[in-house]
Amino acid sequence: MTRMAKQNLTIAEKFGFGLGDTASNIVYQAVINVLMYFYTDVYGIEAAAAGTLLLVVRAFDAVLDPAIGAVADRTRSRHGRYRPWMLWLAIPYGVLAVAAFFTPDVDPGKKLVYAYISYALLMTAYSAVNVPYSALGGVMTGDSEERANLQTWRFAMAMVGGFLVTSSIFPLAALLGGGESPAALRLGFPFAVTVMAIIAIVCFLLCFRLTREHVPPDPRERGRKPMQDLGAMLTNSQWVIIAVATLIVMTRGAVQGAVKPYFVNYYLITDHMPAWLAWFMGSSSSRLSAFLSMTMLAGVGGAVCANWLSRRHCKVAVMQLSMVGMILSGLLLFVIPRDAVFSALLITMVSTFFHMMFVPMLFSTVPDTVDYGLRTTGRGAMAMFCGGHLFVLKLGNALGGFIVGHVLAWYGYQPNVVQTERALGGILLTFAGSSILSALLVLACLHFYRLRRGWQGQTPVGAFT
């Protein structure tokens, strides 16, 4: 394999690349952390119906990703293969984000139909911009360690976008809607998301402007058909391991993100908070904002820590350490009392810190699996592999939303009322138990992953996958 690859990127390039995920995460975090609660407690859709909606639309969206990857791999323009997609789709992406949080005053059946259509269109636009964006990280540099560094920039800045959403969307919706009642929030959410969407559009355009594709297309890509790229991906053993780990950890992320508002508003007892804590967490919207935004800041710290650790240790060791941290934080949530609000916040922040140590390293492995395929079999396509990776990521998101909706329904959850002990137990089990189970399964997957530091020198060209 002879590919000219720029090894070191400038700060401006890394910052520009990170802005792309700031934009992406404005919608992603709204979908993961807000949309389920928005559908049940604001828009008025039943929990089980909302859970099924999230599963169906996310599964549909996930199927699109490999197809979008195939198209992106074959895009040729004066701006490159992957960068132009951010220019072309930035504005449609913003418009559809607002539409997904619009609440027409119609009967329940039509509400559900509108939710399906608006959410499906939003996630189609998200895929069409995010698959090429993910592939862009693999062609900005060909160096494995520089890719890991680039992904830590990406996810640190993604958490900035997440912080922007989670710290402001509930208070902003209440402010612009004139209160915290469901009727006021129905009015306020579209205006709040409009502000977020404008920021996302600007970030995508800056990402396009500041980045460059330094790794040229592999000559062997010419004439190759999409089904051949798909076959190369599915027969790449190291990609499959990463895909399974991604499915597990993103299912956990979707589960915890979707159930977090219920954990904060229903499970935690907030009547006896000390005055200093009640000062900034006294209302429902402020508590949600505090939990969502502070965990985003903890995620920034996790991504920065992953960057530091990956320069000194193998990225796989960093991923394993992060999983151990998630197990311990999940166990702690089971032993603290329900009125330990500040302790619950700190533990949730620690859990997110370790989660975001893991995610940048996980994403940096995908281009490595492409290089592994090219080295061992002569087959690999960056956007197809990234699209397939996003497919399993979104499948995990779909399963997570489905699980939360149906678990809440099975445990007897009812919106806007005092919950039964059974429902409260279901909320805690879902919120804390998901971290423990997923981390144990991911550790098992990483045991079989072979692309550790220095793997290129240990893998002969032409070795079979």
Protein backbone atom coordinates (compact mmCIF):
# COMPACT_ATOMS: atom_id res chain seq x y z
CA MET A 1 0.00 0.00 0.00
CA THR A 2 1.51 3.32 -1.06
CA ARG A 3 -0.54 6.22 0.18
CA MET A 4 0.89 9.69 0.61
CA ALA A 5 -0.30 10.78 4.06
CA LYS A 6 0.30 14.01 5.93
CA GLN A 7 1.36 12.91 9.40
CA ASN A 8 0.93 16.10 11.46
CA LEU A 9 -2.07 18.42 11.28
CA THR A 10 -2.23 22.08 12.27
CA ILE A 11 -4.26 23.31 15.22
CA ALA A 12 -6.58 25.11 12.78
CA GLU A 13 -7.27 21.85 10.92
CA LYS A 14 -7.98 19.98 14.14
CA PHE A 15 -10.19 22.79 15.42
CA GLY A 16 -12.05 22.95 12.11
CA PHE A 17 -12.59 19.21 12.12
CA GLY A 18 -13.88 19.39 15.69
CA LEU A 19 -16.42 22.05 14.71
CA GLY A 20 -18.08 19.47 12.47
CA ASP A 21 -18.97 17.35 15.46
CA THR A 22 -19.97 20.41 17.47
CA ALA A 23 -22.62 20.85 14.77
CA SER A 24 -23.49 17.15 14.62
CA ASN A 25 -23.76 16.82 18.38
CA ILE A 26 -26.25 19.66 18.67
CA VAL A 27 -28.79 17.36 17.01
CA TYR A 28 -27.35 14.08 18.32
CA GLN A 29 -27.53 15.13 21.97
CA ALA A 30 -30.98 16.64 21.51
CA VAL A 31 -32.13 13.31 20.09
CA ILE A 32 -30.39 11.15 22.71
CA ASN A 33 -31.05 13.25 25.83
CA VAL A 34 -34.18 15.25 25.06
CA LEU A 35 -36.34 13.71 22.35
CA MET A 36 -37.80 10.77 24.30
CA TYR A 37 -38.79 13.06 27.18
CA PHE A 38 -40.06 15.66 24.70
CA TYR A 39 -42.28 13.09 22.98
CA THR A 40 -43.80 11.68 26.21
CA ASP A 41 -44.03 14.66 28.57
CA VAL A 42 -44.30 17.63 26.18
CA TYR A 43 -45.78 16.40 22.92
CA GLY A 44 -48.04 13.81 24.58
CA ILE A 45 -47.07 10.52 22.88
CA GLU A 46 -47.32 7.33 24.98
CA ALA A 47 -43.98 5.94 26.20
CA ALA A 48 -44.26 2.60 24.36
CA ALA A 49 -45.29 4.33 21.12
CA ALA A 50 -42.38 6.76 21.45
CA GLY A 51 -39.96 3.90 22.07
CA THR A 52 -41.17 2.07 18.98
CA LEU A 53 -40.91 5.29 16.98
CA LEU A 54 -37.26 5.72 18.00
CA LEU A 55 -36.49 2.11 17.06
CA VAL A 56 -38.17 2.21 13.65
CA VAL A 57 -36.78 5.56 12.51
CA ARG A 58 -33.26 4.94 13.81
CA ALA A 59 -33.19 1.50 12.20
CA PHE A 60 -34.33 3.03 8.89
CA ASP A 61 -31.70 5.74 9.22
CA ALA A 62 -28.98 3.22 10.07
CA VAL A 63 -29.66 1.26 6.87
CA LEU A 64 -28.96 4.44 4.87
CA ASP A 65 -25.44 4.85 6.23
CA PRO A 66 -23.57 2.25 4.14
CA ALA A 67 -25.37 3.50 1.00
CA ILE A 68 -24.39 7.08 1.79
CA GLY A 69 -20.85 5.85 2.40
CA ALA A 70 -20.75 4.23 -1.04
CA VAL A 71 -21.91 7.49 -2.67
CA ALA A 72 -19.43 9.58 -0.69
CA ASP A 73 -16.51 7.30 -1.60
CA ARG A 74 -17.34 7.91 -5.25
CA THR A 75 -17.88 11.67 -4.97
CA ARG A 76 -15.36 13.70 -6.93
CA SER A 77 -15.25 17.50 -6.71
CA ARG A 78 -12.69 20.28 -6.53
CA HIS A 79 -13.29 20.30 -2.76
CA GLY A 80 -12.58 16.57 -2.35
CA ARG A 81 -14.75 13.54 -1.69
CA TYR A 82 -16.10 14.20 1.81
CA ARG A 83 -15.79 17.92 2.62
CA PRO A 84 -18.43 19.14 0.11
CA TRP A 85 -21.24 17.31 1.89
CA MET A 86 -21.01 19.73 4.81
CA LEU A 87 -21.37 22.67 2.45
CA TRP A 88 -24.32 21.13 0.60
CA LEU A 89 -26.32 19.94 3.61
CA ALA A 90 -25.64 22.41 6.42
CA ILE A 91 -28.83 24.45 5.89
CA PRO A 92 -31.25 21.52 5.27
CA TYR A 93 -29.85 19.91 8.42
CA GLY A 94 -30.69 23.00 10.49
CA VAL A 95 -34.19 23.41 9.04
CA LEU A 96 -35.12 19.77 9.68
CA ALA A 97 -33.84 19.96 13.27
CA VAL A 98 -36.40 22.70 13.98
CA ALA A 99 -39.17 20.76 12.23
CA ALA A 100 -38.59 17.72 14.47
CA PHE A 101 -39.43 19.81 17.58
CA PHE A 102 -42.47 21.52 16.07
CA THR A 103 -45.74 20.36 17.70
CA PRO A 104 -48.84 20.63 15.51
CA ASP A 105 -52.09 20.66 17.47
CA VAL A 106 -53.73 17.58 15.97
CA ASP A 107 -55.23 14.32 17.24
CA PRO A 108 -52.90 11.65 18.76
CA GLY A 109 -52.75 9.55 15.57
CA LYS A 110 -51.67 12.47 13.42
CA LYS A 111 -49.18 13.55 16.10
CA LEU A 112 -47.51 10.18 15.79
CA VAL A 113 -47.46 10.35 11.99
CA TYR A 114 -45.89 13.82 12.08
CA ALA A 115 -43.30 12.64 14.59
CA TYR A 116 -42.34 9.69 12.35
CA ILE A 117 -42.00 11.86 9.23
CA SER A 118 -40.16 14.81 10.82
CA TYR A 119 -37.77 12.58 12.77
CA ALA A 120 -37.05 10.39 9.73
CA LEU A 121 -36.22 13.43 7.59
CA LEU A 122 -33.96 14.86 10.28
CA MET A 123 -32.02 11.62 10.69
CA THR A 124 -31.67 11.25 6.91
CA ALA A 125 -30.04 14.69 6.76
CA TYR A 126 -27.90 13.82 9.78
CA SER A 127 -26.63 10.66 8.05
CA ALA A 128 -25.97 12.42 4.75
CA VAL A 129 -23.67 14.91 6.44
CA ASN A 130 -22.24 12.76 9.25
CA VAL A 131 -21.05 9.75 7.21
CA PRO A 132 -18.81 11.88 4.94
CA TYR A 133 -17.72 13.88 7.98
CA SER A 134 -16.63 10.71 9.77
CA ALA A 135 -14.73 9.55 6.67
CA LEU A 136 -13.01 12.94 6.47
CA GLY A 137 -11.09 12.15 9.67
CA GLY A 138 -9.52 9.15 7.95
CA VAL A 139 -8.19 11.12 4.97
CA MET A 140 -6.91 14.19 6.79
CA THR A 141 -3.96 12.08 7.97
CA GLY A 142 -2.75 8.53 7.48
CA ASP A 143 -0.96 8.29 10.83
CA SER A 144 -2.74 6.11 13.42
CA GLU A 145 -1.69 8.14 16.46
CA GLU A 146 -2.49 11.46 14.75
CA ARG A 147 -5.92 10.05 13.91
CA ALA A 148 -6.46 9.28 17.59
CA ASN A 149 -5.45 12.84 18.44
CA LEU A 150 -7.80 14.20 15.78
CA GLN A 151 -10.69 12.17 17.21
CA THR A 152 -10.07 13.55 20.70
CA TRP A 153 -10.42 17.06 19.24
CA ARG A 154 -13.59 15.89 17.54
CA PHE A 155 -15.23 14.53 20.65
CA ALA A 156 -14.05 17.24 23.01
CA MET A 157 -15.69 19.77 20.70
CA ALA A 158 -18.69 17.47 20.25
CA MET A 159 -19.20 17.74 23.99
CA VAL A 160 -19.11 21.53 23.62
CA GLY A 161 -22.05 21.21 21.22
CA GLY A 162 -23.71 18.83 23.64
CA PHE A 163 -23.14 21.26 26.51
CA LEU A 164 -24.69 24.04 24.45
CA VAL A 165 -27.84 21.98 23.92
CA THR A 166 -28.18 20.40 27.34
CA SER A 167 -27.42 23.55 29.34
CA SER A 168 -29.78 25.81 27.44
CA ILE A 169 -32.52 23.93 25.62
CA PHE A 170 -34.88 23.40 28.59
CA PRO A 171 -34.42 26.90 30.13
CA LEU A 172 -34.54 28.49 26.68
CA ALA A 173 -37.71 26.60 25.74
CA ALA A 174 -39.29 27.65 29.07
CA LEU A 175 -38.21 31.26 28.55
CA LEU A 176 -39.40 31.52 24.95
CA GLY A 177 -42.56 29.54 25.65
CA GLY A 178 -43.49 31.49 28.78
CA GLY A 179 -43.28 28.73 31.40
CA GLU A 180 -42.55 25.09 32.22
CA SER A 181 -45.99 23.63 31.55
CA PRO A 182 -46.29 21.18 28.62
CA ALA A 183 -48.26 23.80 26.65
CA ALA A 184 -45.57 26.45 27.19
CA LEU A 185 -42.77 24.04 26.28
CA ARG A 186 -44.59 23.02 23.11
CA LEU A 187 -44.45 26.66 22.09
CA GLY A 188 -40.89 27.26 23.26
CA PHE A 189 -39.04 24.22 21.91
CA PRO A 190 -39.12 25.18 18.19
CA PHE A 191 -37.68 28.61 19.00
CA ALA A 192 -34.99 27.13 21.25
CA VAL A 193 -33.96 24.60 18.61
CA THR A 194 -33.85 27.37 15.97
CA VAL A 195 -31.08 29.05 17.98
CA MET A 196 -29.19 25.75 18.18
CA ALA A 197 -29.68 25.07 14.47
CA ILE A 198 -28.17 28.41 13.42
CA ILE A 199 -25.06 27.65 15.49
CA ALA A 200 -24.83 24.18 13.90
CA ILE A 201 -25.03 25.59 10.37
CA VAL A 202 -22.19 28.04 11.07
CA CYS A 203 -20.04 25.26 12.58
CA PHE A 204 -20.48 22.99 9.54
CA LEU A 205 -19.52 25.79 7.16
CA LEU A 206 -16.41 26.57 9.20
CA CYS A 207 -15.50 22.87 9.26
CA PHE A 208 -15.68 22.84 5.46
CA ARG A 209 -13.53 25.96 5.26
CA LEU A 210 -10.76 24.91 7.67
CA THR A 211 -10.16 21.26 6.76
CA ARG A 212 -8.35 19.56 3.87
CA GLU A 213 -8.17 16.00 2.54
CA HIS A 214 -4.45 15.12 2.60
CA VAL A 215 -4.68 11.36 1.86
CA PRO A 216 -5.47 10.77 -1.84
CA PRO A 217 -7.85 8.00 -2.98
CA ASP A 218 -6.22 4.59 -3.24
CA PRO A 219 -5.73 3.69 -6.94
CA ARG A 220 -7.32 0.30 -6.30
CA GLU A 221 -10.65 2.01 -5.53
CA ARG A 222 -11.24 2.73 -9.23
CA GLY A 223 -13.84 0.48 -10.79
CA ARG A 224 -14.70 -1.18 -7.49
CA LYS A 225 -18.42 -1.68 -6.95
CA PRO A 226 -20.29 -0.76 -3.75
CA MET A 227 -21.10 -4.41 -3.00
CA GLN A 228 -17.39 -5.21 -3.12
CA ASP A 229 -16.75 -2.47 -0.55
CA LEU A 230 -19.56 -3.86 1.60
CA GLY A 231 -18.08 -7.34 1.35
CA ALA A 232 -14.63 -6.03 2.30
CA MET A 233 -16.13 -4.40 5.39
CA LEU A 234 -18.13 -7.41 6.55
CA THR A 235 -15.19 -9.82 6.10
CA ASN A 236 -12.72 -7.57 7.94
CA SER A 237 -12.43 -9.29 11.33
CA GLN A 238 -11.12 -6.22 13.13
CA TRP A 239 -13.91 -3.99 11.81
CA VAL A 240 -16.48 -6.55 12.98
CA ILE A 241 -15.04 -6.51 16.52
CA ILE A 242 -15.18 -2.72 16.62
CA ALA A 243 -18.72 -2.79 15.22
CA VAL A 244 -19.92 -5.14 17.97
CA ALA A 245 -18.26 -2.99 20.67
CA THR A 246 -19.86 0.10 19.14
CA LEU A 247 -23.31 -1.49 19.10
CA ILE A 248 -23.00 -2.35 22.79
CA VAL A 249 -21.63 0.95 24.07
CA MET A 250 -23.95 3.10 21.96
CA THR A 251 -26.99 1.11 23.09
CA ARG A 252 -25.87 1.92 26.62
CA GLY A 253 -25.40 5.59 25.72
CA ALA A 254 -28.86 5.81 24.22
CA VAL A 255 -30.43 4.02 27.17
CA GLN A 256 -28.77 6.26 29.75
CA GLY A 257 -29.37 9.41 27.73
CA ALA A 258 -33.05 8.68 27.22
CA VAL A 259 -33.75 7.67 30.82
CA LYS A 260 -31.68 10.47 32.43
CA PRO A 261 -34.56 13.03 32.53
CA TYR A 262 -36.75 10.43 34.26
CA PHE A 263 -33.96 9.61 36.74
CA VAL A 264 -33.52 13.29 37.58
CA ASN A 265 -37.19 14.34 37.70
CA TYR A 266 -38.76 11.23 39.23
CA TYR A 267 -36.18 9.01 40.95
CA LEU A 268 -34.15 11.60 42.83
CA ILE A 269 -35.75 13.18 45.91
CA THR A 270 -35.19 16.94 45.70
CA ASP A 271 -37.43 18.25 48.50
CA HIS A 272 -34.64 18.56 51.06
CA MET A 273 -31.74 19.85 49.02
CA PRO A 274 -29.39 22.28 50.83
CA ALA A 275 -29.93 25.93 49.99
CA TRP A 276 -26.76 26.25 47.92
CA LEU A 277 -27.83 23.29 45.75
CA ALA A 278 -31.44 24.42 45.44
CA TRP A 279 -30.13 27.79 44.23
CA PHE A 280 -29.21 26.37 40.82
CA MET A 281 -31.20 23.10 40.81
CA GLY A 282 -34.46 24.22 42.39
CA SER A 283 -36.76 23.78 39.39
CA SER A 284 -37.35 20.81 37.12
CA SER A 285 -35.80 22.49 34.09
CA SER A 286 -32.74 23.67 36.04
CA ARG A 287 -32.12 20.17 37.44
CA LEU A 288 -32.31 18.68 33.98
CA SER A 289 -30.02 21.33 32.59
CA ALA A 290 -27.53 20.81 35.42
CA PHE A 291 -27.37 17.04 34.94
CA LEU A 292 -27.23 17.23 31.17
CA SER A 293 -24.79 20.14 30.89
CA MET A 294 -22.39 19.15 33.68
CA THR A 295 -22.08 15.65 32.26
CA MET A 296 -21.21 17.22 28.89
CA LEU A 297 -18.39 19.16 30.55
CA ALA A 298 -17.20 15.95 32.18
CA GLY A 299 -17.22 14.43 28.68
CA VAL A 300 -14.88 17.17 27.45
CA GLY A 301 -12.52 16.25 30.28
CA GLY A 302 -12.72 12.58 29.32
CA ALA A 303 -11.84 13.30 25.68
CA VAL A 304 -8.90 15.51 26.70
CA CYS A 305 -7.67 12.82 29.11
CA ALA A 306 -7.94 10.21 26.35
CA ASN A 307 -5.75 12.42 24.14
CA TRP A 308 -3.09 12.62 26.86
CA LEU A 309 -3.21 8.90 27.67
CA SER A 310 -3.17 7.77 24.02
CA ARG A 311 0.11 9.58 23.44
CA ARG A 312 1.69 7.48 26.16
CA HIS A 313 -0.20 4.20 26.01
CA CYS A 314 -1.90 1.95 23.46
CA LYS A 315 -5.39 3.18 22.62
CA VAL A 316 -6.80 -0.26 23.45
CA ALA A 317 -5.45 0.03 27.02
CA VAL A 318 -7.16 3.43 27.29
CA MET A 319 -10.45 1.88 26.15
CA GLN A 320 -10.14 -0.94 28.69
CA LEU A 321 -9.45 1.51 31.52
CA SER A 322 -12.52 3.54 30.58
CA MET A 323 -14.75 0.48 30.75
CA VAL A 324 -13.55 -0.34 34.27
CA GLY A 325 -14.40 3.23 35.30
CA MET A 326 -17.91 2.88 33.90
CA ILE A 327 -18.50 -0.33 35.85
CA LEU A 328 -17.46 1.27 39.13
CA SER A 329 -19.58 4.38 38.60
CA GLY A 330 -22.62 2.26 37.74
CA LEU A 331 -22.24 0.27 40.95
CA LEU A 332 -22.04 3.45 43.03
CA LEU A 333 -25.43 4.66 41.76
CA PHE A 334 -27.07 1.58 43.28
CA VAL A 335 -25.77 2.33 46.80
CA ILE A 336 -26.36 6.08 47.24
CA PRO A 337 -29.71 7.22 48.75
CA ARG A 338 -32.34 8.84 46.54
CA ASP A 339 -31.92 12.24 48.19
CA ALA A 340 -28.15 12.38 47.52
CA VAL A 341 -28.71 14.63 44.51
CA PHE A 342 -25.23 16.13 44.38
CA SER A 343 -23.58 12.71 44.75
CA ALA A 344 -25.73 11.38 41.92
CA LEU A 345 -24.64 14.31 39.76
CA LEU A 346 -20.95 13.68 40.51
CA ILE A 347 -21.20 9.95 39.81
CA THR A 348 -23.04 10.61 36.55
CA MET A 349 -20.29 13.03 35.57
CA VAL A 350 -17.64 10.41 36.34
CA SER A 351 -19.50 7.85 34.24
CA THR A 352 -19.66 10.27 31.30
CA PHE A 353 -15.96 11.13 31.78
CA PHE A 354 -15.02 7.47 31.28
CA HIS A 355 -17.52 7.04 28.44
CA MET A 356 -15.91 9.93 26.58
CA MET A 357 -12.45 8.53 27.23
CA PHE A 358 -13.62 5.49 25.31
CA VAL A 359 -15.49 7.02 22.35
CA PRO A 360 -12.64 8.96 20.63
CA MET A 361 -10.40 5.90 20.80
CA LEU A 362 -13.21 3.76 19.40
CA PHE A 363 -13.77 6.05 16.42
CA SER A 364 -10.03 6.29 15.73
CA THR A 365 -9.91 2.52 15.25
CA VAL A 366 -12.21 2.58 12.20
CA PRO A 367 -9.61 4.07 9.77
CA ASP A 368 -7.12 1.58 11.25
CA THR A 369 -9.41 -1.28 10.22
CA VAL A 370 -9.51 0.19 6.69
CA ASP A 371 -5.70 0.23 6.62
CA TYR A 372 -5.72 -3.33 7.97
CA GLY A 373 -7.98 -4.45 5.13
CA LEU A 374 -5.86 -2.70 2.49
CA ARG A 375 -2.70 -4.19 3.98
CA THR A 376 -3.94 -7.76 4.32
CA THR A 377 -6.38 -8.22 1.41
CA GLY A 378 -6.02 -5.06 -0.70
CA ARG A 379 -9.64 -4.13 0.07
CA GLY A 380 -10.98 -1.19 2.09
CA ALA A 381 -13.10 1.95 1.53
CA MET A 382 -13.03 4.75 4.09
CA ALA A 383 -16.60 6.09 3.83
CA MET A 384 -18.12 2.62 3.49
CA PHE A 385 -16.36 1.45 6.66
CA CYS A 386 -17.33 4.69 8.45
CA GLY A 387 -20.88 4.37 7.14
CA GLY A 388 -21.07 0.80 8.39
CA HIS A 389 -19.73 1.92 11.73
CA LEU A 390 -22.39 4.63 11.95
CA PHE A 391 -24.96 2.01 10.97
CA VAL A 392 -24.22 -0.05 14.08
CA LEU A 393 -23.95 3.13 16.17
CA LYS A 394 -27.44 4.17 15.13
CA LEU A 395 -28.73 0.65 15.53
CA GLY A 396 -27.50 0.90 19.12
CA ASN A 397 -29.29 4.24 19.48
CA ALA A 398 -32.45 2.67 18.08
CA LEU A 399 -32.28 -0.26 20.46
CA GLY A 400 -31.59 2.09 23.37
CA GLY A 401 -34.64 4.24 22.72
CA PHE A 402 -36.79 1.15 22.18
CA ILE A 403 -35.54 -0.44 25.40
CA VAL A 404 -36.22 2.65 27.51
CA GLY A 405 -39.72 3.19 26.14
CA HIS A 406 -40.80 -0.40 26.69
CA VAL A 407 -39.01 -0.89 30.02
CA LEU A 408 -40.68 2.24 31.39
CA ALA A 409 -44.05 1.03 30.13
CA TRP A 410 -43.48 -2.46 31.60
CA TYR A 411 -42.56 -1.00 35.00
CA GLY A 412 -45.73 1.13 34.96
CA TYR A 413 -44.36 4.60 34.27
CA GLN A 414 -46.98 7.36 33.79
CA PRO A 415 -45.96 10.91 32.77
CA ASN A 416 -46.40 13.93 35.06
CA VAL A 417 -47.53 11.95 38.15
CA VAL A 418 -45.85 10.52 41.29
CA GLN A 419 -44.27 7.20 40.30
CA THR A 420 -44.81 3.84 42.00
CA GLU A 421 -41.90 2.03 43.71
CA ARG A 422 -41.90 -0.45 40.86
CA ALA A 423 -41.54 2.32 38.27
CA LEU A 424 -38.77 3.98 40.30
CA GLY A 425 -36.89 0.68 40.51
CA GLY A 426 -37.15 0.30 36.75
CA ILE A 427 -35.76 3.79 36.20
CA LEU A 428 -32.73 3.11 38.46
CA LEU A 429 -32.06 -0.31 36.97
CA THR A 430 -32.13 1.10 33.46
CA PHE A 431 -29.99 4.15 34.26
CA ALA A 432 -27.26 2.49 36.35
CA GLY A 433 -27.35 -1.13 35.21
CA SER A 434 -26.82 -0.27 31.54
CA SER A 435 -23.28 1.01 32.26
CA ILE A 436 -22.23 -2.13 34.13
CA LEU A 437 -23.56 -4.64 31.62
CA SER A 438 -22.30 -2.82 28.52
CA ALA A 439 -18.79 -2.29 29.92
CA LEU A 440 -18.40 -5.99 30.75
CA LEU A 441 -19.44 -6.96 27.22
CA VAL A 442 -17.11 -4.41 25.58
CA LEU A 443 -14.16 -5.66 27.63
CA ALA A 444 -14.86 -9.13 26.24
CA CYS A 445 -14.83 -7.73 22.67
CA LEU A 446 -11.54 -5.87 23.14
CA HIS A 447 -9.86 -9.10 24.20
CA PHE A 448 -10.02 -10.18 20.53
CA TYR A 449 -8.97 -6.87 18.94
CA ARG A 450 -5.47 -7.11 17.39
CA LEU A 451 -4.68 -3.61 16.08
CA ARG A 452 -2.70 -2.42 19.07
CA ARG A 453 0.20 0.02 19.03
CA GLY A 454 2.75 -1.04 16.41
CA TRP A 455 0.40 -3.48 14.68
CA GLN A 456 1.60 -2.45 11.20
CA GLY A 457 5.07 -3.87 11.87
CA GLN A 458 3.59 -7.12 13.12
CA THR A 459 1.11 -7.65 10.24
CA PRO A 460 2.75 -8.75 6.97
CA VAL A 461 1.38 -7.37 3.72
CA GLY A 462 -0.95 -9.94 2.18
CA ALA A 463 -1.82 -11.68 5.47
CA PHE A 464 -5.35 -13.03 5.46
CA THR A 465 -7.99 -11.37 7.64
